[in-house]
């Protein structure tokens, strides 16, 4: 079993862009995907969406769609991106992933569901009730999820973000998403995922080749 470190942020558009490639990897039983929430909009970066950043996001979304086919729906733009009072927040969805993982939920599947809920269905990743609904769909009880959410909020979420940033530096990543295989000797091989958008078969061949070269 090879460990693939996936350093990402649930709110990151480019992490949504790579979701189809991550889905392809879930069919490989030789890979254990380990998620790290990087805190794109955490601490001082948690803020309202400015007009300039709003336009930057739209341009980025269009670029992602052209490269990957990933959908950003009109509902998402109308209900979330156009909401001038909305706070860009990574802490809440990262806490949700930590809570889900502690209850045995597959966090890769949970992340994917959260991304679709936000970017396609227009349901905010900062809406705890919606996150609880996702957790129940994936096999946890709502009460257990909410209790775990309370347990992991605050300090434990910040510890996870610090760990993600440390891992990003360790593997030589420069942003989200970063994917890296860990070798038996503690070295890392960073994956060049951006070359394989909309090319699932080539991506799988590339990853299988890497697996065969890792000790």
N, C-alpha and C. Protein backbone atom coordinates (compact mmCIF):
# COMPACT_ATOMS: atom_id res chain seq x y z
N UNK A 1 0.84 -1.20 0.00
CA UNK A 1 0.00 0.00 0.00
C UNK A 1 0.88 1.25 0.00
N UNK A 2 0.67 2.13 -0.98
CA UNK A 2 1.43 3.37 -1.07
C UNK A 2 0.58 4.53 -0.57
N UNK A 3 1.19 5.41 0.22
CA UNK A 3 0.49 6.57 0.74
C UNK A 3 0.62 7.74 -0.22
N UNK A 4 -0.53 8.28 -0.62
CA UNK A 4 -0.57 9.47 -1.46
C UNK A 4 -1.06 10.63 -0.61
N UNK A 5 -0.23 11.60 -0.37
CA UNK A 5 -0.60 12.78 0.40
C UNK A 5 -1.27 13.79 -0.53
N UNK A 6 -2.50 14.14 -0.19
CA UNK A 6 -3.31 15.07 -1.00
C UNK A 6 -3.52 16.32 -0.16
N UNK A 7 -2.76 17.36 -0.47
CA UNK A 7 -2.81 18.62 0.27
C UNK A 7 -3.71 19.57 -0.50
N UNK A 8 -4.79 19.97 0.11
CA UNK A 8 -5.84 20.68 -0.63
C UNK A 8 -6.57 21.63 0.30
N UNK A 9 -7.57 22.28 -0.25
CA UNK A 9 -8.52 23.05 0.55
C UNK A 9 -9.90 22.85 -0.05
N UNK A 10 -10.92 22.57 0.77
CA UNK A 10 -12.26 22.31 0.23
C UNK A 10 -12.83 23.47 -0.58
N UNK A 11 -12.40 24.70 -0.27
CA UNK A 11 -12.92 25.88 -0.96
C UNK A 11 -12.15 26.19 -2.25
N UNK A 12 -11.09 25.46 -2.50
CA UNK A 12 -10.19 25.76 -3.62
C UNK A 12 -10.77 25.26 -4.94
N UNK A 13 -10.92 26.16 -5.89
CA UNK A 13 -11.44 25.78 -7.20
C UNK A 13 -10.56 24.77 -7.92
N UNK A 14 -9.26 24.92 -7.78
CA UNK A 14 -8.35 23.99 -8.46
C UNK A 14 -8.35 22.62 -7.80
N UNK A 15 -8.73 22.54 -6.53
CA UNK A 15 -8.90 21.24 -5.88
C UNK A 15 -10.17 20.55 -6.39
N UNK A 16 -11.16 21.34 -6.75
CA UNK A 16 -12.35 20.81 -7.42
C UNK A 16 -11.98 20.38 -8.84
N UNK A 17 -11.08 21.10 -9.48
CA UNK A 17 -10.64 20.75 -10.83
C UNK A 17 -9.99 19.38 -10.87
N UNK A 18 -9.25 19.03 -9.82
CA UNK A 18 -8.53 17.76 -9.80
C UNK A 18 -9.40 16.60 -9.31
N UNK A 19 -10.63 16.89 -8.90
CA UNK A 19 -11.50 15.85 -8.34
C UNK A 19 -11.69 14.65 -9.27
N UNK A 20 -11.90 14.83 -10.59
CA UNK A 20 -12.03 13.64 -11.44
C UNK A 20 -10.79 12.75 -11.45
N UNK A 21 -9.62 13.35 -11.33
CA UNK A 21 -8.39 12.56 -11.29
C UNK A 21 -8.29 11.80 -9.97
N UNK A 22 -8.71 12.46 -8.88
CA UNK A 22 -8.72 11.77 -7.58
C UNK A 22 -9.70 10.60 -7.62
N UNK A 23 -10.86 10.82 -8.24
CA UNK A 23 -11.84 9.74 -8.36
C UNK A 23 -11.26 8.54 -9.09
N UNK A 24 -10.47 8.80 -10.13
CA UNK A 24 -9.83 7.70 -10.86
C UNK A 24 -8.92 6.88 -9.95
N UNK A 25 -8.24 7.57 -9.03
CA UNK A 25 -7.29 6.87 -8.16
C UNK A 25 -7.98 5.99 -7.13
N UNK A 26 -9.24 6.26 -6.84
CA UNK A 26 -9.93 5.47 -5.83
C UNK A 26 -10.14 4.03 -6.29
N UNK A 27 -9.98 3.77 -7.57
CA UNK A 27 -10.13 2.38 -8.06
C UNK A 27 -8.84 1.58 -7.91
N UNK A 28 -7.75 2.25 -7.50
CA UNK A 28 -6.49 1.57 -7.30
C UNK A 28 -6.39 1.14 -5.83
N UNK A 29 -6.45 -0.13 -5.57
CA UNK A 29 -6.45 -0.64 -4.20
C UNK A 29 -5.08 -0.55 -3.54
N UNK A 30 -4.07 -0.21 -4.32
CA UNK A 30 -2.70 -0.12 -3.78
C UNK A 30 -2.39 1.26 -3.22
N UNK A 31 -3.35 2.18 -3.28
CA UNK A 31 -3.12 3.56 -2.84
C UNK A 31 -3.98 3.90 -1.62
N UNK A 32 -3.36 4.49 -0.62
CA UNK A 32 -4.07 5.06 0.53
C UNK A 32 -3.95 6.58 0.42
N UNK A 33 -5.07 7.25 0.14
CA UNK A 33 -5.06 8.70 -0.04
C UNK A 33 -5.28 9.38 1.31
N UNK A 34 -4.33 10.22 1.70
CA UNK A 34 -4.39 10.92 2.97
C UNK A 34 -4.61 12.41 2.71
N UNK A 35 -5.73 12.93 3.23
CA UNK A 35 -6.10 14.33 3.00
C UNK A 35 -5.48 15.26 4.04
N UNK A 36 -5.13 16.47 3.58
CA UNK A 36 -4.68 17.54 4.47
C UNK A 36 -5.42 18.82 4.05
N UNK A 37 -6.12 19.44 5.00
CA UNK A 37 -6.82 20.70 4.73
C UNK A 37 -5.92 21.89 4.98
N UNK A 38 -5.62 22.65 3.93
CA UNK A 38 -4.58 23.66 4.02
C UNK A 38 -4.98 25.04 4.52
N UNK A 39 -6.27 25.31 4.68
CA UNK A 39 -6.68 26.60 5.25
C UNK A 39 -6.50 27.77 4.31
N UNK A 40 -7.00 27.63 3.08
CA UNK A 40 -6.89 28.73 2.11
C UNK A 40 -7.54 30.01 2.62
N UNK A 41 -8.71 29.86 3.24
CA UNK A 41 -9.42 31.00 3.82
C UNK A 41 -9.58 30.76 5.32
N UNK A 42 -8.46 30.84 6.02
CA UNK A 42 -8.45 30.63 7.47
C UNK A 42 -7.67 31.76 8.11
N UNK A 43 -7.97 32.04 9.38
CA UNK A 43 -7.25 33.10 10.07
C UNK A 43 -7.44 34.45 9.40
N UNK A 44 -6.33 35.12 9.11
CA UNK A 44 -6.39 36.45 8.49
C UNK A 44 -6.95 36.41 7.08
N UNK A 45 -6.96 35.23 6.45
CA UNK A 45 -7.46 35.10 5.08
C UNK A 45 -8.95 34.83 5.01
N UNK A 46 -9.60 34.68 6.18
CA UNK A 46 -11.05 34.52 6.21
C UNK A 46 -11.68 35.90 6.07
N UNK A 47 -12.43 36.10 4.98
CA UNK A 47 -12.88 37.46 4.67
C UNK A 47 -14.08 37.44 3.73
N UNK A 48 -14.67 38.61 3.57
CA UNK A 48 -15.74 38.74 2.58
C UNK A 48 -15.14 38.80 1.18
N UNK A 49 -15.98 38.47 0.22
CA UNK A 49 -15.53 38.42 -1.17
C UNK A 49 -15.58 39.83 -1.77
N UNK A 50 -14.40 40.36 -2.13
CA UNK A 50 -14.34 41.68 -2.74
C UNK A 50 -14.77 41.60 -4.20
N UNK A 51 -15.08 42.77 -4.78
CA UNK A 51 -15.50 42.82 -6.19
C UNK A 51 -14.38 42.32 -7.10
N UNK A 52 -13.15 42.72 -6.81
CA UNK A 52 -12.02 42.29 -7.64
C UNK A 52 -11.82 40.79 -7.56
N UNK A 53 -11.88 40.25 -6.34
CA UNK A 53 -11.67 38.82 -6.18
C UNK A 53 -12.82 38.03 -6.81
N UNK A 54 -14.02 38.60 -6.74
CA UNK A 54 -15.18 37.99 -7.39
C UNK A 54 -14.91 37.76 -8.87
N UNK A 55 -14.37 38.76 -9.54
CA UNK A 55 -14.06 38.64 -10.96
C UNK A 55 -12.91 37.65 -11.20
N UNK A 56 -11.94 37.64 -10.30
CA UNK A 56 -10.83 36.68 -10.44
C UNK A 56 -11.34 35.25 -10.33
N UNK A 57 -12.27 35.01 -9.42
CA UNK A 57 -12.82 33.67 -9.25
C UNK A 57 -13.59 33.24 -10.49
N UNK A 58 -14.40 34.14 -11.05
CA UNK A 58 -15.15 33.80 -12.26
C UNK A 58 -14.19 33.43 -13.40
N UNK A 59 -13.14 34.21 -13.55
CA UNK A 59 -12.15 33.92 -14.60
C UNK A 59 -11.48 32.57 -14.35
N UNK A 60 -11.15 32.29 -13.10
CA UNK A 60 -10.53 31.02 -12.74
C UNK A 60 -11.49 29.86 -12.99
N UNK A 61 -12.75 30.03 -12.61
CA UNK A 61 -13.75 28.99 -12.84
C UNK A 61 -13.88 28.67 -14.33
N UNK A 62 -13.91 29.71 -15.15
CA UNK A 62 -14.00 29.49 -16.59
C UNK A 62 -12.79 28.73 -17.12
N UNK A 63 -11.63 29.05 -16.58
CA UNK A 63 -10.41 28.34 -16.97
C UNK A 63 -10.47 26.87 -16.56
N UNK A 64 -10.96 26.61 -15.35
CA UNK A 64 -11.08 25.24 -14.86
C UNK A 64 -12.05 24.44 -15.73
N UNK A 65 -13.18 25.04 -16.06
CA UNK A 65 -14.16 24.35 -16.91
C UNK A 65 -13.59 24.03 -18.27
N UNK A 66 -12.84 24.96 -18.85
CA UNK A 66 -12.28 24.73 -20.19
C UNK A 66 -11.24 23.62 -20.17
N UNK A 67 -10.52 23.47 -19.06
CA UNK A 67 -9.47 22.45 -18.97
C UNK A 67 -9.99 21.09 -18.55
N UNK A 68 -11.03 21.09 -17.71
CA UNK A 68 -11.43 19.83 -17.07
C UNK A 68 -12.87 19.42 -17.33
N UNK A 69 -13.71 20.36 -17.73
CA UNK A 69 -15.13 20.07 -17.87
C UNK A 69 -15.91 20.15 -16.58
N UNK A 70 -15.23 20.45 -15.47
CA UNK A 70 -15.91 20.57 -14.19
C UNK A 70 -16.91 21.74 -14.22
N UNK A 71 -18.09 21.51 -13.63
CA UNK A 71 -19.20 22.46 -13.72
C UNK A 71 -19.24 23.38 -12.51
N UNK A 72 -19.37 24.67 -12.78
CA UNK A 72 -19.74 25.67 -11.77
C UNK A 72 -21.11 26.20 -12.22
N UNK A 73 -22.15 25.85 -11.48
CA UNK A 73 -23.51 26.08 -11.97
C UNK A 73 -23.97 27.52 -11.77
N UNK A 74 -24.99 27.93 -12.52
CA UNK A 74 -25.62 29.23 -12.28
C UNK A 74 -26.15 29.35 -10.84
N UNK A 75 -26.63 28.25 -10.28
CA UNK A 75 -27.12 28.27 -8.90
C UNK A 75 -26.01 28.66 -7.93
N UNK A 76 -24.82 28.12 -8.14
CA UNK A 76 -23.67 28.47 -7.31
C UNK A 76 -23.37 29.96 -7.41
N UNK A 77 -23.35 30.48 -8.62
CA UNK A 77 -23.05 31.91 -8.78
C UNK A 77 -24.12 32.79 -8.15
N UNK A 78 -25.38 32.41 -8.32
CA UNK A 78 -26.48 33.26 -7.85
C UNK A 78 -26.64 33.21 -6.33
N UNK A 79 -26.46 32.04 -5.74
CA UNK A 79 -26.73 31.91 -4.31
C UNK A 79 -25.52 32.13 -3.43
N UNK A 80 -24.32 31.84 -3.94
CA UNK A 80 -23.12 31.95 -3.11
C UNK A 80 -22.15 33.01 -3.61
N UNK A 81 -21.75 32.91 -4.85
CA UNK A 81 -20.71 33.83 -5.32
C UNK A 81 -21.21 35.27 -5.38
N UNK A 82 -22.49 35.45 -5.64
CA UNK A 82 -23.04 36.81 -5.70
C UNK A 82 -23.52 37.33 -4.35
N UNK A 83 -23.34 36.53 -3.31
CA UNK A 83 -23.74 36.95 -1.96
C UNK A 83 -22.65 37.85 -1.37
N UNK A 84 -22.95 39.14 -1.30
CA UNK A 84 -21.94 40.12 -0.85
C UNK A 84 -21.62 39.99 0.64
N UNK A 85 -22.48 39.30 1.40
CA UNK A 85 -22.25 39.14 2.83
C UNK A 85 -21.51 37.83 3.15
N UNK A 86 -21.32 37.01 2.18
CA UNK A 86 -20.70 35.71 2.42
C UNK A 86 -19.26 35.85 2.87
N UNK A 87 -18.90 35.05 3.86
CA UNK A 87 -17.53 35.01 4.35
C UNK A 87 -16.82 33.79 3.75
N UNK A 88 -15.69 34.02 3.12
CA UNK A 88 -14.88 32.93 2.60
C UNK A 88 -14.24 32.21 3.77
N UNK A 89 -14.58 30.95 3.96
CA UNK A 89 -14.25 30.22 5.18
C UNK A 89 -13.82 28.80 4.86
N UNK A 90 -12.57 28.47 5.19
CA UNK A 90 -12.07 27.10 5.03
C UNK A 90 -12.16 26.29 6.32
N UNK A 91 -12.21 26.96 7.45
CA UNK A 91 -12.18 26.25 8.73
C UNK A 91 -13.35 25.28 8.87
N UNK A 92 -14.55 25.72 8.54
CA UNK A 92 -15.74 24.89 8.74
C UNK A 92 -15.67 23.60 7.93
N UNK A 93 -15.41 23.65 6.61
CA UNK A 93 -15.34 22.39 5.88
C UNK A 93 -14.17 21.50 6.28
N UNK A 94 -13.05 22.09 6.69
CA UNK A 94 -11.93 21.27 7.17
C UNK A 94 -12.31 20.55 8.46
N UNK A 95 -12.98 21.26 9.36
CA UNK A 95 -13.47 20.63 10.58
C UNK A 95 -14.42 19.49 10.25
N UNK A 96 -15.28 19.71 9.26
CA UNK A 96 -16.23 18.67 8.86
C UNK A 96 -15.51 17.42 8.37
N UNK A 97 -14.44 17.59 7.61
CA UNK A 97 -13.68 16.43 7.12
C UNK A 97 -13.00 15.69 8.27
N UNK A 98 -12.46 16.44 9.22
CA UNK A 98 -11.85 15.81 10.39
C UNK A 98 -12.90 15.03 11.19
N UNK A 99 -14.07 15.62 11.35
CA UNK A 99 -15.15 14.96 12.08
C UNK A 99 -15.60 13.70 11.35
N UNK A 100 -15.80 13.84 10.04
CA UNK A 100 -16.22 12.68 9.25
C UNK A 100 -15.22 11.55 9.30
N UNK A 101 -13.94 11.89 9.17
CA UNK A 101 -12.90 10.88 9.22
C UNK A 101 -12.87 10.14 10.54
N UNK A 102 -13.13 10.86 11.63
CA UNK A 102 -13.12 10.23 12.96
C UNK A 102 -14.28 9.25 13.13
N UNK A 103 -15.31 9.39 12.29
CA UNK A 103 -16.48 8.50 12.36
C UNK A 103 -16.41 7.38 11.32
N UNK A 104 -15.27 7.28 10.64
CA UNK A 104 -15.09 6.21 9.67
C UNK A 104 -15.58 6.53 8.28
N UNK A 105 -15.96 7.78 8.03
CA UNK A 105 -16.38 8.19 6.70
C UNK A 105 -15.15 8.28 5.79
N UNK A 106 -15.29 7.86 4.56
CA UNK A 106 -14.24 8.04 3.56
C UNK A 106 -14.14 9.53 3.26
N UNK A 107 -13.05 10.15 3.67
CA UNK A 107 -12.95 11.61 3.55
C UNK A 107 -12.78 12.07 2.10
N UNK A 108 -12.24 11.22 1.24
CA UNK A 108 -12.16 11.58 -0.18
C UNK A 108 -13.56 11.68 -0.76
N UNK A 109 -14.41 10.70 -0.45
CA UNK A 109 -15.79 10.74 -0.91
C UNK A 109 -16.54 11.93 -0.31
N UNK A 110 -16.26 12.23 0.96
CA UNK A 110 -16.93 13.37 1.60
C UNK A 110 -16.51 14.69 0.97
N UNK A 111 -15.22 14.83 0.71
CA UNK A 111 -14.74 16.05 0.05
C UNK A 111 -15.42 16.23 -1.30
N UNK A 112 -15.49 15.15 -2.07
CA UNK A 112 -16.12 15.24 -3.39
C UNK A 112 -17.58 15.67 -3.27
N UNK A 113 -18.29 15.10 -2.31
CA UNK A 113 -19.69 15.45 -2.11
C UNK A 113 -19.83 16.93 -1.70
N UNK A 114 -18.93 17.40 -0.86
CA UNK A 114 -18.96 18.80 -0.43
C UNK A 114 -18.69 19.73 -1.61
N UNK A 115 -17.77 19.36 -2.46
CA UNK A 115 -17.45 20.19 -3.63
C UNK A 115 -18.64 20.27 -4.57
N UNK A 116 -19.27 19.13 -4.87
CA UNK A 116 -20.43 19.14 -5.75
C UNK A 116 -21.57 19.93 -5.13
N UNK A 117 -21.79 19.75 -3.84
CA UNK A 117 -22.86 20.48 -3.16
C UNK A 117 -22.66 21.98 -3.29
N UNK A 118 -21.43 22.45 -3.19
CA UNK A 118 -21.20 23.88 -3.26
C UNK A 118 -21.17 24.39 -4.71
N UNK A 119 -20.30 23.81 -5.51
CA UNK A 119 -20.04 24.38 -6.84
C UNK A 119 -21.12 24.05 -7.87
N UNK A 120 -21.93 23.02 -7.61
CA UNK A 120 -23.00 22.65 -8.54
C UNK A 120 -24.38 22.96 -7.95
N UNK A 121 -24.61 22.56 -6.70
CA UNK A 121 -25.93 22.72 -6.10
C UNK A 121 -26.09 24.04 -5.35
N UNK A 122 -24.98 24.76 -5.14
CA UNK A 122 -25.07 26.06 -4.49
C UNK A 122 -25.30 26.00 -3.00
N UNK A 123 -24.84 24.92 -2.34
CA UNK A 123 -24.99 24.79 -0.90
C UNK A 123 -23.65 25.06 -0.23
N UNK A 124 -23.61 26.03 0.63
CA UNK A 124 -22.36 26.49 1.22
C UNK A 124 -21.67 25.43 2.05
N UNK A 125 -20.35 25.34 1.91
CA UNK A 125 -19.54 24.46 2.74
C UNK A 125 -19.39 25.01 4.16
N UNK A 126 -19.90 26.18 4.40
CA UNK A 126 -19.91 26.74 5.76
C UNK A 126 -21.24 26.48 6.48
N UNK A 127 -22.17 25.80 5.81
CA UNK A 127 -23.48 25.49 6.38
C UNK A 127 -23.37 24.15 7.11
N UNK A 128 -23.32 24.20 8.43
CA UNK A 128 -23.10 22.99 9.23
C UNK A 128 -24.25 22.01 9.05
N UNK A 129 -25.47 22.49 8.90
CA UNK A 129 -26.60 21.59 8.70
C UNK A 129 -26.44 20.81 7.39
N UNK A 130 -25.96 21.49 6.35
CA UNK A 130 -25.73 20.80 5.08
C UNK A 130 -24.59 19.79 5.19
N UNK A 131 -23.55 20.16 5.93
CA UNK A 131 -22.44 19.23 6.14
C UNK A 131 -22.89 17.99 6.90
N UNK A 132 -23.77 18.20 7.89
CA UNK A 132 -24.31 17.06 8.64
C UNK A 132 -25.13 16.16 7.73
N UNK A 133 -25.86 16.76 6.80
CA UNK A 133 -26.66 15.98 5.86
C UNK A 133 -25.76 15.12 4.98
N UNK A 134 -24.64 15.69 4.53
CA UNK A 134 -23.67 14.92 3.73
C UNK A 134 -23.13 13.75 4.55
N UNK A 135 -22.80 14.02 5.81
CA UNK A 135 -22.26 12.97 6.67
C UNK A 135 -23.26 11.82 6.85
N UNK A 136 -24.53 12.16 6.99
CA UNK A 136 -25.54 11.10 7.15
C UNK A 136 -25.69 10.30 5.86
N UNK A 137 -25.56 10.96 4.72
CA UNK A 137 -25.63 10.25 3.44
C UNK A 137 -24.47 9.26 3.30
N UNK A 138 -23.37 9.54 3.99
CA UNK A 138 -22.19 8.69 3.90
C UNK A 138 -22.08 7.71 5.07
N UNK A 139 -23.15 7.63 5.87
CA UNK A 139 -23.22 6.56 6.86
C UNK A 139 -23.13 6.93 8.32
N UNK A 140 -22.92 8.21 8.64
CA UNK A 140 -22.85 8.63 10.05
C UNK A 140 -24.22 9.16 10.49
N UNK A 141 -24.46 9.13 11.80
CA UNK A 141 -25.67 9.76 12.31
C UNK A 141 -25.41 11.27 12.43
N UNK A 142 -26.48 12.04 12.31
CA UNK A 142 -26.34 13.49 12.40
C UNK A 142 -25.80 13.90 13.76
N UNK A 143 -26.32 13.28 14.82
CA UNK A 143 -25.88 13.63 16.17
C UNK A 143 -24.42 13.33 16.39
N UNK A 144 -23.97 12.17 15.91
CA UNK A 144 -22.56 11.80 16.07
C UNK A 144 -21.67 12.76 15.30
N UNK A 145 -22.10 13.15 14.11
CA UNK A 145 -21.31 14.08 13.32
C UNK A 145 -21.21 15.43 14.02
N UNK A 146 -22.32 15.95 14.51
CA UNK A 146 -22.31 17.26 15.16
C UNK A 146 -21.45 17.24 16.42
N UNK A 147 -21.48 16.14 17.16
CA UNK A 147 -20.63 16.03 18.35
C UNK A 147 -19.16 16.01 17.96
N UNK A 148 -18.84 15.26 16.89
CA UNK A 148 -17.46 15.21 16.42
C UNK A 148 -17.02 16.56 15.85
N UNK A 149 -17.94 17.25 15.20
CA UNK A 149 -17.63 18.58 14.66
C UNK A 149 -17.22 19.52 15.80
N UNK A 150 -17.97 19.50 16.88
CA UNK A 150 -17.63 20.35 18.03
C UNK A 150 -16.27 19.98 18.60
N UNK A 151 -15.96 18.68 18.61
CA UNK A 151 -14.69 18.21 19.15
C UNK A 151 -13.51 18.70 18.32
N UNK A 152 -13.67 18.73 17.01
CA UNK A 152 -12.55 19.06 16.13
C UNK A 152 -12.48 20.54 15.74
N UNK A 153 -13.50 21.32 16.09
CA UNK A 153 -13.47 22.74 15.74
C UNK A 153 -12.45 23.48 16.60
N UNK A 154 -12.00 24.60 16.10
CA UNK A 154 -11.05 25.41 16.87
C UNK A 154 -9.64 24.90 16.78
N UNK A 155 -9.06 24.55 17.93
CA UNK A 155 -7.64 24.23 18.01
C UNK A 155 -7.25 23.04 17.14
N UNK A 156 -8.06 21.99 17.12
CA UNK A 156 -7.69 20.80 16.35
C UNK A 156 -7.73 21.08 14.85
N UNK A 157 -8.64 21.92 14.42
CA UNK A 157 -8.66 22.32 13.02
C UNK A 157 -7.42 23.14 12.67
N UNK A 158 -7.04 24.05 13.55
CA UNK A 158 -5.85 24.85 13.29
C UNK A 158 -4.59 23.99 13.28
N UNK A 159 -4.55 22.97 14.12
CA UNK A 159 -3.42 22.05 14.12
C UNK A 159 -3.34 21.30 12.79
N UNK A 160 -4.50 20.94 12.26
CA UNK A 160 -4.53 20.26 10.97
C UNK A 160 -4.01 21.18 9.86
N UNK A 161 -4.39 22.44 9.90
CA UNK A 161 -3.94 23.40 8.89
C UNK A 161 -2.43 23.59 8.97
N UNK A 162 -1.91 23.69 10.19
CA UNK A 162 -0.46 23.82 10.37
C UNK A 162 0.25 22.59 9.81
N UNK A 163 -0.30 21.41 10.08
CA UNK A 163 0.29 20.17 9.58
C UNK A 163 0.26 20.13 8.06
N UNK A 164 -0.82 20.61 7.47
CA UNK A 164 -0.93 20.64 6.01
C UNK A 164 0.13 21.56 5.40
N UNK A 165 0.33 22.72 6.02
CA UNK A 165 1.34 23.65 5.51
C UNK A 165 2.75 23.06 5.66
N UNK A 166 2.98 22.36 6.75
CA UNK A 166 4.27 21.71 6.95
C UNK A 166 4.49 20.63 5.90
N UNK A 167 3.45 19.87 5.63
CA UNK A 167 3.56 18.82 4.62
C UNK A 167 3.78 19.42 3.23
N UNK A 168 3.13 20.54 2.96
CA UNK A 168 3.30 21.21 1.67
C UNK A 168 4.77 21.58 1.46
N UNK A 169 5.40 22.12 2.49
CA UNK A 169 6.82 22.46 2.40
C UNK A 169 7.68 21.21 2.28
N UNK A 170 7.31 20.16 3.00
CA UNK A 170 8.11 18.94 3.03
C UNK A 170 8.16 18.27 1.66
N UNK A 171 7.04 18.27 0.96
CA UNK A 171 7.01 17.58 -0.34
C UNK A 171 7.41 18.50 -1.49
N UNK A 172 7.66 19.76 -1.19
CA UNK A 172 8.08 20.71 -2.23
C UNK A 172 6.93 21.27 -3.03
N UNK A 173 5.75 21.34 -2.42
CA UNK A 173 4.60 21.90 -3.11
C UNK A 173 4.57 23.41 -3.02
N UNK A 174 3.84 24.04 -3.94
CA UNK A 174 3.76 25.50 -3.97
C UNK A 174 2.35 26.02 -3.79
N UNK A 175 1.38 25.15 -3.66
CA UNK A 175 -0.01 25.59 -3.51
C UNK A 175 -0.95 24.42 -3.51
N UNK A 176 -2.24 24.73 -3.56
CA UNK A 176 -3.28 23.70 -3.54
C UNK A 176 -3.86 23.52 -4.95
N UNK A 177 -4.08 22.28 -5.39
CA UNK A 177 -3.74 21.04 -4.69
C UNK A 177 -2.30 20.62 -4.96
N UNK A 178 -1.74 19.88 -4.03
CA UNK A 178 -0.46 19.21 -4.22
C UNK A 178 -0.64 17.74 -3.88
N UNK A 179 -0.12 16.88 -4.75
CA UNK A 179 -0.21 15.43 -4.56
C UNK A 179 1.19 14.86 -4.55
N UNK A 180 1.51 14.01 -3.57
CA UNK A 180 2.85 13.45 -3.48
C UNK A 180 2.81 12.06 -2.88
N UNK A 181 3.51 11.13 -3.52
CA UNK A 181 3.70 9.80 -2.96
C UNK A 181 4.84 9.83 -1.95
N UNK A 182 4.68 9.04 -0.89
CA UNK A 182 5.73 8.90 0.11
C UNK A 182 6.51 7.60 -0.12
N UNK A 183 7.83 7.70 -0.10
CA UNK A 183 8.69 6.53 -0.24
C UNK A 183 8.94 5.90 1.13
N UNK A 184 9.43 4.68 1.11
CA UNK A 184 9.73 3.99 2.35
C UNK A 184 10.82 4.65 3.16
N UNK A 185 11.72 5.38 2.48
CA UNK A 185 12.81 6.06 3.18
C UNK A 185 12.45 7.47 3.63
N UNK A 186 11.17 7.85 3.46
CA UNK A 186 10.73 9.17 3.89
C UNK A 186 10.83 10.25 2.83
N UNK A 187 11.35 9.90 1.65
CA UNK A 187 11.39 10.86 0.54
C UNK A 187 10.00 10.94 -0.11
N UNK A 188 9.81 11.92 -0.99
CA UNK A 188 8.52 12.13 -1.64
C UNK A 188 8.70 12.33 -3.14
N UNK A 189 7.71 11.89 -3.89
CA UNK A 189 7.63 12.18 -5.32
C UNK A 189 6.35 12.96 -5.57
N UNK A 190 6.49 14.20 -6.02
CA UNK A 190 5.33 15.06 -6.28
C UNK A 190 4.76 14.72 -7.66
N UNK A 191 3.45 14.63 -7.74
CA UNK A 191 2.78 14.28 -8.99
C UNK A 191 2.51 15.53 -9.83
N UNK A 192 2.68 15.39 -11.12
CA UNK A 192 2.41 16.49 -12.06
C UNK A 192 0.99 16.34 -12.59
N UNK A 193 0.01 16.58 -11.71
CA UNK A 193 -1.38 16.31 -12.07
C UNK A 193 -1.91 17.22 -13.17
N UNK A 194 -1.41 18.45 -13.26
CA UNK A 194 -1.99 19.44 -14.18
C UNK A 194 -1.81 19.05 -15.64
N UNK A 195 -0.91 18.13 -15.93
CA UNK A 195 -0.72 17.68 -17.31
C UNK A 195 -1.83 16.74 -17.77
N UNK A 196 -2.65 16.26 -16.83
CA UNK A 196 -3.57 15.17 -17.16
C UNK A 196 -5.04 15.53 -16.97
N UNK A 197 -5.36 16.81 -16.88
CA UNK A 197 -6.76 17.21 -16.83
C UNK A 197 -7.49 16.65 -18.06
N UNK A 198 -8.66 16.04 -17.82
CA UNK A 198 -9.50 15.48 -18.89
C UNK A 198 -8.82 14.34 -19.63
N UNK A 199 -7.81 13.72 -19.01
CA UNK A 199 -7.12 12.57 -19.61
C UNK A 199 -7.02 11.44 -18.58
N UNK A 200 -8.13 10.85 -18.17
CA UNK A 200 -8.12 9.88 -17.06
C UNK A 200 -7.26 8.65 -17.33
N UNK A 201 -7.28 8.12 -18.55
CA UNK A 201 -6.50 6.91 -18.81
C UNK A 201 -5.01 7.19 -18.77
N UNK A 202 -4.60 8.31 -19.35
CA UNK A 202 -3.19 8.68 -19.31
C UNK A 202 -2.75 8.96 -17.87
N UNK A 203 -3.64 9.56 -17.10
CA UNK A 203 -3.36 9.84 -15.69
C UNK A 203 -3.13 8.55 -14.91
N UNK A 204 -4.02 7.57 -15.11
CA UNK A 204 -3.86 6.31 -14.41
C UNK A 204 -2.56 5.61 -14.80
N UNK A 205 -2.23 5.65 -16.08
CA UNK A 205 -0.98 5.03 -16.53
C UNK A 205 0.22 5.71 -15.88
N UNK A 206 0.17 7.03 -15.80
CA UNK A 206 1.25 7.80 -15.17
C UNK A 206 1.40 7.44 -13.69
N UNK A 207 0.28 7.35 -12.98
CA UNK A 207 0.33 7.04 -11.55
C UNK A 207 0.80 5.60 -11.33
N UNK A 208 0.31 4.67 -12.13
CA UNK A 208 0.74 3.28 -11.99
C UNK A 208 2.25 3.16 -12.23
N UNK A 209 2.76 3.91 -13.19
CA UNK A 209 4.21 3.90 -13.44
C UNK A 209 4.97 4.42 -12.22
N UNK A 210 4.46 5.51 -11.62
CA UNK A 210 5.11 6.04 -10.43
C UNK A 210 5.10 5.03 -9.29
N UNK A 211 3.96 4.35 -9.11
CA UNK A 211 3.87 3.36 -8.03
C UNK A 211 4.95 2.29 -8.19
N UNK A 212 5.19 1.89 -9.41
CA UNK A 212 6.16 0.84 -9.66
C UNK A 212 7.60 1.29 -9.42
N UNK A 213 7.81 2.61 -9.35
CA UNK A 213 9.17 3.12 -9.13
C UNK A 213 9.43 3.47 -7.67
N UNK A 214 8.38 3.39 -6.83
CA UNK A 214 8.51 3.80 -5.44
C UNK A 214 8.87 2.59 -4.58
N UNK A 215 9.86 2.77 -3.72
CA UNK A 215 10.29 1.70 -2.81
C UNK A 215 9.24 1.46 -1.74
